Amino acid sequence: MQSEPDSTIAPEEASSLLDSLRASLEERVLGQSALVEGVIAALVARGHVLVEGPPGLGKTRLIRSLAGLLGLDFGRVQCTPDLMPGDVTGGEILSTQEEGSPFQFIPGPVFCQVLLADEINRATPRTQSAFLEAMEESQVTCGGEPHPLPRPFFLA
C-alpha cells in the first residue's frame, strides 16, 4: 500500500503527470472525457465522486484503471438491499487468543485505497451511512473503536 507523499511537486510537473493520467484513462475509456476530468478532479481534491450513467459506458473500467495506473489498491462492493454495514466495514469476531481483547477486528472491503460502490442507491440507509462515515472521516467505527482507512481513500 502506498501512502500520500510528504513533499510537494512543482506545478509544471503536477500538470504533466495529470495530463499523462488523463491521456492514459481516455485510452481505456473512450468518449468519456468529461467523466475522466471529473474523476481526476475529485481525486486531486481528496474528495469522492458519484458516477452515474447507463450500463456499458465504462464506469467500472474507469475507476479500476485509475487505481491501476496510480498503483493503488482497488476494491468493489456490489450494493444490494440485503447488504449490511458490517459487510462493508468489517466486524469483530471472537478470538481464540488467550491474551488481549477477546475480539479481533476483521477489515471489510472498504479497507482499500480506491473503492467502487456499485449501485449505491440500492443499499439501505444504514449501509449508506457506513459509506458516508468512511468518506467524511477516513475511518470506520466498529465496537466503539475507530479503524483508520488507508491513505489516500477514494470512493466512487
N, C-alpha and C. Protein backbone atom coordinates (compact mmCIF):
# COMPACT_ATOMS: atom_id res chain seq x y z
N MET A 1 0.82 -1.17 0.00
CA MET A 1 0.00 0.00 0.00
C MET A 1 0.87 1.24 0.00
N GLN A 2 0.56 2.16 -0.86
CA GLN A 2 1.32 3.40 -0.92
C GLN A 2 0.67 4.41 0.00
N SER A 3 1.46 5.33 0.51
CA SER A 3 0.91 6.41 1.30
C SER A 3 1.07 7.70 0.52
N GLU A 4 0.41 8.72 1.01
CA GLU A 4 0.49 10.00 0.34
C GLU A 4 1.89 10.58 0.49
N PRO A 5 2.37 11.27 -0.54
CA PRO A 5 3.71 11.84 -0.45
C PRO A 5 3.77 12.95 0.58
N ASP A 6 4.94 13.09 1.21
CA ASP A 6 5.14 14.12 2.21
C ASP A 6 5.55 15.45 1.58
N SER A 7 6.11 15.41 0.40
CA SER A 7 6.59 16.63 -0.23
C SER A 7 5.67 17.03 -1.38
N THR A 8 5.79 18.27 -1.76
CA THR A 8 5.01 18.77 -2.88
C THR A 8 5.88 18.75 -4.14
N ILE A 9 5.21 18.80 -5.28
CA ILE A 9 5.94 18.84 -6.54
C ILE A 9 5.63 20.15 -7.25
N ALA A 10 6.47 20.49 -8.18
CA ALA A 10 6.30 21.73 -8.93
C ALA A 10 5.00 21.69 -9.73
N PRO A 11 4.34 22.82 -9.88
CA PRO A 11 3.08 22.86 -10.64
C PRO A 11 3.20 22.32 -12.06
N GLU A 12 4.34 22.59 -12.72
CA GLU A 12 4.53 22.12 -14.09
C GLU A 12 4.59 20.59 -14.12
N GLU A 13 5.28 20.02 -13.14
CA GLU A 13 5.38 18.56 -13.07
C GLU A 13 4.03 17.94 -12.74
N ALA A 14 3.28 18.56 -11.83
CA ALA A 14 1.95 18.06 -11.48
C ALA A 14 1.04 18.11 -12.69
N SER A 15 1.10 19.19 -13.44
CA SER A 15 0.28 19.33 -14.64
C SER A 15 0.62 18.26 -15.67
N SER A 16 1.91 18.00 -15.83
CA SER A 16 2.35 16.98 -16.77
C SER A 16 1.88 15.58 -16.34
N LEU A 17 1.99 15.29 -15.04
CA LEU A 17 1.52 14.00 -14.52
C LEU A 17 0.01 13.83 -14.70
N LEU A 18 -0.74 14.89 -14.43
CA LEU A 18 -2.19 14.83 -14.60
C LEU A 18 -2.59 14.67 -16.07
N ASP A 19 -1.87 15.34 -16.96
CA ASP A 19 -2.13 15.18 -18.39
C ASP A 19 -1.86 13.75 -18.84
N SER A 20 -0.79 13.18 -18.33
CA SER A 20 -0.45 11.79 -18.66
C SER A 20 -1.51 10.83 -18.13
N LEU A 21 -1.97 11.06 -16.90
CA LEU A 21 -3.02 10.23 -16.31
C LEU A 21 -4.30 10.35 -17.13
N ARG A 22 -4.68 11.57 -17.48
CA ARG A 22 -5.88 11.81 -18.28
C ARG A 22 -5.80 11.08 -19.62
N ALA A 23 -4.66 11.19 -20.29
CA ALA A 23 -4.49 10.55 -21.60
C ALA A 23 -4.58 9.02 -21.47
N SER A 24 -3.96 8.48 -20.45
CA SER A 24 -4.00 7.02 -20.23
C SER A 24 -5.42 6.54 -19.96
N LEU A 25 -6.15 7.30 -19.16
CA LEU A 25 -7.54 6.91 -18.86
C LEU A 25 -8.42 7.03 -20.10
N GLU A 26 -8.20 8.07 -20.88
CA GLU A 26 -9.02 8.26 -22.09
C GLU A 26 -8.72 7.20 -23.15
N GLU A 27 -7.55 6.58 -23.11
CA GLU A 27 -7.26 5.45 -23.99
C GLU A 27 -8.05 4.21 -23.58
N ARG A 28 -8.32 4.08 -22.29
CA ARG A 28 -9.01 2.90 -21.77
C ARG A 28 -10.53 3.06 -21.76
N VAL A 29 -11.00 4.30 -21.64
CA VAL A 29 -12.43 4.58 -21.61
C VAL A 29 -12.72 5.62 -22.68
N LEU A 30 -13.25 5.18 -23.79
CA LEU A 30 -13.43 6.05 -24.94
C LEU A 30 -14.70 6.90 -24.82
N GLY A 31 -14.60 8.15 -25.24
CA GLY A 31 -15.76 9.02 -25.33
C GLY A 31 -16.30 9.52 -24.00
N GLN A 32 -15.50 9.47 -22.97
CA GLN A 32 -15.96 9.90 -21.64
C GLN A 32 -15.02 10.96 -21.05
N SER A 33 -14.61 11.91 -21.87
CA SER A 33 -13.63 12.91 -21.43
C SER A 33 -14.10 13.71 -20.22
N ALA A 34 -15.37 14.14 -20.22
CA ALA A 34 -15.88 14.92 -19.09
C ALA A 34 -15.88 14.09 -17.81
N LEU A 35 -16.24 12.82 -17.92
CA LEU A 35 -16.24 11.93 -16.76
C LEU A 35 -14.82 11.73 -16.23
N VAL A 36 -13.87 11.52 -17.14
CA VAL A 36 -12.47 11.36 -16.74
C VAL A 36 -11.98 12.61 -16.01
N GLU A 37 -12.29 13.78 -16.55
CA GLU A 37 -11.89 15.05 -15.91
C GLU A 37 -12.48 15.16 -14.51
N GLY A 38 -13.77 14.83 -14.37
CA GLY A 38 -14.44 14.93 -13.07
C GLY A 38 -13.85 13.99 -12.04
N VAL A 39 -13.55 12.78 -12.45
CA VAL A 39 -12.98 11.79 -11.53
C VAL A 39 -11.58 12.23 -11.08
N ILE A 40 -10.77 12.69 -12.02
CA ILE A 40 -9.42 13.17 -11.66
C ILE A 40 -9.51 14.37 -10.72
N ALA A 41 -10.43 15.30 -11.02
CA ALA A 41 -10.59 16.48 -10.17
C ALA A 41 -10.99 16.08 -8.75
N ALA A 42 -11.91 15.13 -8.62
CA ALA A 42 -12.34 14.68 -7.29
C ALA A 42 -11.18 14.03 -6.54
N LEU A 43 -10.39 13.24 -7.24
CA LEU A 43 -9.25 12.58 -6.61
C LEU A 43 -8.21 13.60 -6.13
N VAL A 44 -7.89 14.55 -6.97
CA VAL A 44 -6.90 15.57 -6.62
C VAL A 44 -7.39 16.41 -5.43
N ALA A 45 -8.69 16.67 -5.37
CA ALA A 45 -9.28 17.47 -4.29
C ALA A 45 -9.50 16.66 -3.02
N ARG A 46 -9.07 15.38 -3.04
CA ARG A 46 -9.27 14.47 -1.91
C ARG A 46 -10.74 14.30 -1.57
N GLY A 47 -11.55 14.31 -2.62
CA GLY A 47 -12.98 14.12 -2.45
C GLY A 47 -13.39 12.74 -2.92
N HIS A 48 -14.65 12.62 -3.24
CA HIS A 48 -15.22 11.36 -3.72
C HIS A 48 -16.15 11.73 -4.87
N VAL A 49 -16.62 10.73 -5.61
CA VAL A 49 -17.41 11.03 -6.79
C VAL A 49 -18.55 10.03 -6.94
N LEU A 50 -19.69 10.53 -7.40
CA LEU A 50 -20.82 9.69 -7.75
C LEU A 50 -20.84 9.61 -9.28
N VAL A 51 -20.61 8.43 -9.81
CA VAL A 51 -20.55 8.23 -11.25
C VAL A 51 -21.88 7.64 -11.69
N GLU A 52 -22.60 8.37 -12.53
CA GLU A 52 -23.91 7.92 -13.00
C GLU A 52 -23.87 7.70 -14.50
N GLY A 53 -24.74 6.82 -14.98
CA GLY A 53 -24.86 6.58 -16.40
C GLY A 53 -25.40 5.20 -16.68
N PRO A 54 -25.86 5.00 -17.90
CA PRO A 54 -26.39 3.69 -18.26
C PRO A 54 -25.30 2.63 -18.30
N PRO A 55 -25.70 1.36 -18.22
CA PRO A 55 -24.71 0.28 -18.25
C PRO A 55 -23.90 0.28 -19.55
N GLY A 56 -22.66 -0.16 -19.44
CA GLY A 56 -21.84 -0.35 -20.63
C GLY A 56 -21.01 0.83 -21.06
N LEU A 57 -20.96 1.90 -20.29
CA LEU A 57 -20.20 3.08 -20.70
C LEU A 57 -18.79 3.12 -20.11
N GLY A 58 -18.41 2.12 -19.32
CA GLY A 58 -17.05 2.03 -18.83
C GLY A 58 -16.82 2.66 -17.47
N LYS A 59 -17.86 2.81 -16.67
CA LYS A 59 -17.69 3.42 -15.35
C LYS A 59 -16.77 2.58 -14.46
N THR A 60 -17.03 1.29 -14.38
CA THR A 60 -16.19 0.40 -13.57
C THR A 60 -14.78 0.34 -14.13
N ARG A 61 -14.67 0.26 -15.44
CA ARG A 61 -13.35 0.21 -16.08
C ARG A 61 -12.55 1.48 -15.78
N LEU A 62 -13.22 2.62 -15.76
CA LEU A 62 -12.55 3.89 -15.46
C LEU A 62 -11.95 3.88 -14.05
N ILE A 63 -12.74 3.49 -13.07
CA ILE A 63 -12.27 3.52 -11.69
C ILE A 63 -11.19 2.47 -11.45
N ARG A 64 -11.39 1.29 -12.03
CA ARG A 64 -10.37 0.22 -11.90
C ARG A 64 -9.06 0.65 -12.58
N SER A 65 -9.16 1.29 -13.73
CA SER A 65 -7.97 1.77 -14.45
C SER A 65 -7.26 2.87 -13.67
N LEU A 66 -8.04 3.76 -13.07
CA LEU A 66 -7.46 4.84 -12.27
C LEU A 66 -6.61 4.25 -11.14
N ALA A 67 -7.16 3.29 -10.43
CA ALA A 67 -6.41 2.65 -9.35
C ALA A 67 -5.16 1.96 -9.88
N GLY A 68 -5.28 1.25 -10.98
CA GLY A 68 -4.15 0.54 -11.55
C GLY A 68 -3.04 1.47 -12.01
N LEU A 69 -3.41 2.56 -12.67
CA LEU A 69 -2.40 3.50 -13.16
C LEU A 69 -1.66 4.19 -12.03
N LEU A 70 -2.34 4.39 -10.91
CA LEU A 70 -1.73 5.07 -9.77
C LEU A 70 -1.08 4.09 -8.78
N GLY A 71 -1.23 2.80 -9.05
CA GLY A 71 -0.64 1.79 -8.15
C GLY A 71 -1.34 1.71 -6.81
N LEU A 72 -2.65 1.95 -6.80
CA LEU A 72 -3.43 1.92 -5.57
C LEU A 72 -4.26 0.65 -5.49
N ASP A 73 -4.54 0.21 -4.26
CA ASP A 73 -5.40 -0.95 -4.04
C ASP A 73 -6.82 -0.63 -4.47
N PHE A 74 -7.44 -1.54 -5.22
CA PHE A 74 -8.80 -1.35 -5.73
C PHE A 74 -9.73 -2.36 -5.07
N GLY A 75 -10.92 -1.91 -4.72
CA GLY A 75 -11.95 -2.79 -4.19
C GLY A 75 -13.29 -2.42 -4.79
N ARG A 76 -14.19 -3.39 -4.80
CA ARG A 76 -15.52 -3.16 -5.36
C ARG A 76 -16.55 -3.82 -4.46
N VAL A 77 -17.65 -3.10 -4.22
CA VAL A 77 -18.76 -3.63 -3.46
C VAL A 77 -20.01 -3.50 -4.32
N GLN A 78 -20.71 -4.61 -4.52
CA GLN A 78 -21.98 -4.58 -5.23
C GLN A 78 -23.06 -4.34 -4.19
N CYS A 79 -23.68 -3.18 -4.23
CA CYS A 79 -24.69 -2.83 -3.24
C CYS A 79 -26.02 -3.48 -3.59
N THR A 80 -26.61 -4.11 -2.60
CA THR A 80 -27.92 -4.75 -2.73
C THR A 80 -28.74 -4.39 -1.50
N PRO A 81 -30.05 -4.58 -1.56
CA PRO A 81 -30.88 -4.24 -0.39
C PRO A 81 -30.54 -5.04 0.87
N ASP A 82 -29.94 -6.22 0.72
CA ASP A 82 -29.60 -7.01 1.91
C ASP A 82 -28.16 -6.81 2.39
N LEU A 83 -27.42 -5.87 1.79
CA LEU A 83 -26.06 -5.57 2.22
C LEU A 83 -26.11 -4.84 3.55
N MET A 84 -25.39 -5.35 4.52
CA MET A 84 -25.37 -4.75 5.86
C MET A 84 -24.12 -3.88 6.02
N PRO A 85 -24.17 -2.89 6.95
CA PRO A 85 -22.98 -2.05 7.16
C PRO A 85 -21.72 -2.86 7.46
N GLY A 86 -21.84 -3.91 8.25
CA GLY A 86 -20.69 -4.74 8.58
C GLY A 86 -20.11 -5.47 7.38
N ASP A 87 -20.94 -5.69 6.34
CA ASP A 87 -20.45 -6.31 5.12
C ASP A 87 -19.48 -5.39 4.39
N VAL A 88 -19.59 -4.10 4.66
CA VAL A 88 -18.74 -3.09 4.03
C VAL A 88 -17.54 -2.76 4.92
N THR A 89 -17.80 -2.53 6.20
CA THR A 89 -16.76 -2.05 7.11
C THR A 89 -15.93 -3.16 7.71
N GLY A 90 -16.50 -4.34 7.82
CA GLY A 90 -15.86 -5.43 8.54
C GLY A 90 -16.46 -5.54 9.91
N GLY A 91 -15.95 -6.41 10.72
CA GLY A 91 -16.52 -6.59 12.05
C GLY A 91 -15.59 -7.34 12.97
N GLU A 92 -16.07 -7.50 14.18
CA GLU A 92 -15.30 -8.20 15.19
C GLU A 92 -15.74 -9.64 15.28
N ILE A 93 -14.77 -10.52 15.45
CA ILE A 93 -15.06 -11.93 15.66
C ILE A 93 -14.42 -12.34 16.98
N LEU A 94 -14.94 -13.39 17.57
CA LEU A 94 -14.39 -13.90 18.81
C LEU A 94 -13.03 -14.51 18.51
N SER A 95 -12.03 -14.07 19.25
CA SER A 95 -10.66 -14.51 19.02
C SER A 95 -10.32 -15.68 19.94
N THR A 96 -9.51 -16.57 19.46
CA THR A 96 -9.08 -17.71 20.27
C THR A 96 -7.78 -17.41 21.00
N GLN A 97 -7.26 -16.21 20.84
CA GLN A 97 -6.02 -15.84 21.52
C GLN A 97 -6.28 -15.66 23.01
N GLU A 98 -5.36 -16.10 23.83
CA GLU A 98 -5.51 -16.03 25.27
C GLU A 98 -5.29 -14.61 25.80
N GLU A 99 -4.41 -13.86 25.16
CA GLU A 99 -4.06 -12.54 25.66
C GLU A 99 -4.79 -11.45 24.90
N GLY A 100 -4.94 -10.29 25.52
CA GLY A 100 -5.57 -9.15 24.89
C GLY A 100 -7.08 -9.25 24.84
N SER A 101 -7.65 -8.52 23.92
CA SER A 101 -9.10 -8.48 23.77
C SER A 101 -9.65 -9.82 23.30
N PRO A 102 -10.85 -10.18 23.76
CA PRO A 102 -11.43 -11.44 23.29
C PRO A 102 -11.94 -11.34 21.84
N PHE A 103 -11.93 -10.12 21.28
CA PHE A 103 -12.42 -9.92 19.92
C PHE A 103 -11.29 -9.44 19.02
N GLN A 104 -11.39 -9.82 17.76
CA GLN A 104 -10.41 -9.42 16.76
C GLN A 104 -11.17 -8.75 15.62
N PHE A 105 -10.69 -7.58 15.17
CA PHE A 105 -11.33 -6.86 14.07
C PHE A 105 -10.86 -7.44 12.74
N ILE A 106 -11.82 -7.79 11.90
CA ILE A 106 -11.54 -8.27 10.55
C ILE A 106 -12.01 -7.18 9.58
N PRO A 107 -11.09 -6.52 8.86
CA PRO A 107 -11.48 -5.42 7.97
C PRO A 107 -12.32 -5.89 6.79
N GLY A 108 -13.25 -5.04 6.39
CA GLY A 108 -14.11 -5.31 5.24
C GLY A 108 -13.53 -4.71 3.97
N PRO A 109 -14.31 -4.77 2.89
CA PRO A 109 -13.82 -4.30 1.59
C PRO A 109 -13.55 -2.80 1.52
N VAL A 110 -14.04 -2.02 2.48
CA VAL A 110 -13.79 -0.58 2.46
C VAL A 110 -12.33 -0.26 2.76
N PHE A 111 -11.57 -1.24 3.25
CA PHE A 111 -10.17 -1.02 3.58
C PHE A 111 -9.28 -1.20 2.35
N CYS A 112 -9.47 -0.31 1.40
CA CYS A 112 -8.64 -0.23 0.20
C CYS A 112 -8.48 1.24 -0.11
N GLN A 113 -7.70 1.56 -1.10
CA GLN A 113 -7.46 2.97 -1.41
C GLN A 113 -8.46 3.53 -2.40
N VAL A 114 -8.93 2.72 -3.32
CA VAL A 114 -9.95 3.12 -4.28
C VAL A 114 -11.07 2.10 -4.20
N LEU A 115 -12.26 2.55 -3.80
CA LEU A 115 -13.40 1.65 -3.64
C LEU A 115 -14.52 2.07 -4.58
N LEU A 116 -15.01 1.12 -5.34
CA LEU A 116 -16.17 1.34 -6.19
C LEU A 116 -17.38 0.73 -5.50
N ALA A 117 -18.33 1.57 -5.12
CA ALA A 117 -19.58 1.11 -4.53
C ALA A 117 -20.61 1.10 -5.65
N ASP A 118 -20.79 -0.04 -6.28
CA ASP A 118 -21.65 -0.16 -7.45
C ASP A 118 -23.11 -0.18 -7.03
N GLU A 119 -23.92 0.65 -7.68
CA GLU A 119 -25.36 0.77 -7.43
C GLU A 119 -25.64 1.09 -5.96
N ILE A 120 -24.98 2.12 -5.45
CA ILE A 120 -25.10 2.50 -4.04
C ILE A 120 -26.54 2.89 -3.68
N ASN A 121 -27.32 3.30 -4.66
CA ASN A 121 -28.71 3.66 -4.40
C ASN A 121 -29.56 2.46 -3.95
N ARG A 122 -29.09 1.25 -4.20
CA ARG A 122 -29.82 0.05 -3.79
C ARG A 122 -29.55 -0.33 -2.34
N ALA A 123 -28.51 0.22 -1.74
CA ALA A 123 -28.15 -0.10 -0.36
C ALA A 123 -29.13 0.57 0.61
N THR A 124 -29.26 -0.01 1.80
CA THR A 124 -30.13 0.57 2.82
C THR A 124 -29.51 1.85 3.36
N PRO A 125 -30.31 2.71 3.98
CA PRO A 125 -29.75 3.94 4.56
C PRO A 125 -28.64 3.68 5.58
N ARG A 126 -28.75 2.63 6.37
CA ARG A 126 -27.70 2.33 7.35
C ARG A 126 -26.39 1.96 6.65
N THR A 127 -26.48 1.21 5.58
CA THR A 127 -25.28 0.84 4.84
C THR A 127 -24.69 2.07 4.14
N GLN A 128 -25.55 2.91 3.61
CA GLN A 128 -25.07 4.16 3.00
C GLN A 128 -24.37 5.02 4.05
N SER A 129 -24.86 4.99 5.29
CA SER A 129 -24.22 5.74 6.37
C SER A 129 -22.81 5.23 6.65
N ALA A 130 -22.60 3.94 6.50
CA ALA A 130 -21.25 3.39 6.68
C ALA A 130 -20.31 3.96 5.62
N PHE A 131 -20.81 4.07 4.38
CA PHE A 131 -20.00 4.69 3.33
C PHE A 131 -19.74 6.16 3.65
N LEU A 132 -20.75 6.86 4.16
CA LEU A 132 -20.60 8.28 4.48
C LEU A 132 -19.55 8.50 5.57
N GLU A 133 -19.54 7.65 6.60
CA GLU A 133 -18.52 7.77 7.64
C GLU A 133 -17.13 7.58 7.03
N ALA A 134 -17.00 6.58 6.17
CA ALA A 134 -15.70 6.32 5.54
C ALA A 134 -15.26 7.52 4.71
N MET A 135 -16.18 8.11 3.96
CA MET A 135 -15.82 9.25 3.11
C MET A 135 -15.48 10.49 3.93
N GLU A 136 -16.28 10.78 4.94
CA GLU A 136 -16.11 12.01 5.70
C GLU A 136 -14.96 11.94 6.69
N GLU A 137 -14.82 10.81 7.38
CA GLU A 137 -13.87 10.72 8.48
C GLU A 137 -12.63 9.88 8.17
N SER A 138 -12.60 9.25 6.99
CA SER A 138 -11.48 8.36 6.60
C SER A 138 -11.23 7.29 7.65
N GLN A 139 -12.33 6.80 8.22
CA GLN A 139 -12.26 5.73 9.20
C GLN A 139 -13.62 5.05 9.28
N VAL A 140 -13.64 3.88 9.91
CA VAL A 140 -14.90 3.22 10.25
C VAL A 140 -14.85 2.91 11.73
N THR A 141 -16.01 2.85 12.34
CA THR A 141 -16.11 2.55 13.75
C THR A 141 -16.78 1.21 13.92
N CYS A 142 -16.14 0.34 14.67
CA CYS A 142 -16.68 -0.98 14.93
C CYS A 142 -16.44 -1.31 16.40
N GLY A 143 -17.49 -1.67 17.11
CA GLY A 143 -17.35 -1.98 18.52
C GLY A 143 -16.88 -0.78 19.33
N GLY A 144 -17.24 0.42 18.87
CA GLY A 144 -16.85 1.64 19.56
C GLY A 144 -15.41 2.06 19.30
N GLU A 145 -14.69 1.29 18.51
CA GLU A 145 -13.28 1.60 18.21
C GLU A 145 -13.15 2.13 16.79
N PRO A 146 -12.44 3.26 16.60
CA PRO A 146 -12.20 3.75 15.24
C PRO A 146 -11.09 2.95 14.57
N HIS A 147 -11.26 2.69 13.29
CA HIS A 147 -10.25 1.99 12.49
C HIS A 147 -9.96 2.86 11.27
N PRO A 148 -8.76 3.47 11.21
CA PRO A 148 -8.44 4.36 10.09
C PRO A 148 -8.33 3.61 8.77
N LEU A 149 -8.78 4.26 7.71
CA LEU A 149 -8.70 3.70 6.37
C LEU A 149 -7.33 4.05 5.76
N PRO A 150 -6.90 3.26 4.78
CA PRO A 150 -5.62 3.58 4.12
C PRO A 150 -5.70 4.95 3.43
N ARG A 151 -4.55 5.58 3.30
CA ARG A 151 -4.48 6.88 2.62
C ARG A 151 -3.77 6.70 1.29
N PRO A 152 -4.18 7.27 0.23
CA PRO A 152 -5.44 8.01 0.12
C PRO A 152 -6.63 7.06 0.09
N PHE A 153 -7.81 7.58 0.39
CA PHE A 153 -9.04 6.81 0.28
C PHE A 153 -9.96 7.56 -0.67
N PHE A 154 -10.42 6.87 -1.71
CA PHE A 154 -11.26 7.48 -2.75
C PHE A 154 -12.42 6.54 -3.01
N LEU A 155 -13.65 7.03 -2.85
CA LEU A 155 -14.84 6.22 -3.10
C LEU A 155 -15.57 6.74 -4.32
N ALA A 156 -15.90 5.83 -5.20
CA ALA A 156 -16.64 6.20 -6.41
C ALA A 156 -17.87 5.30 -6.50
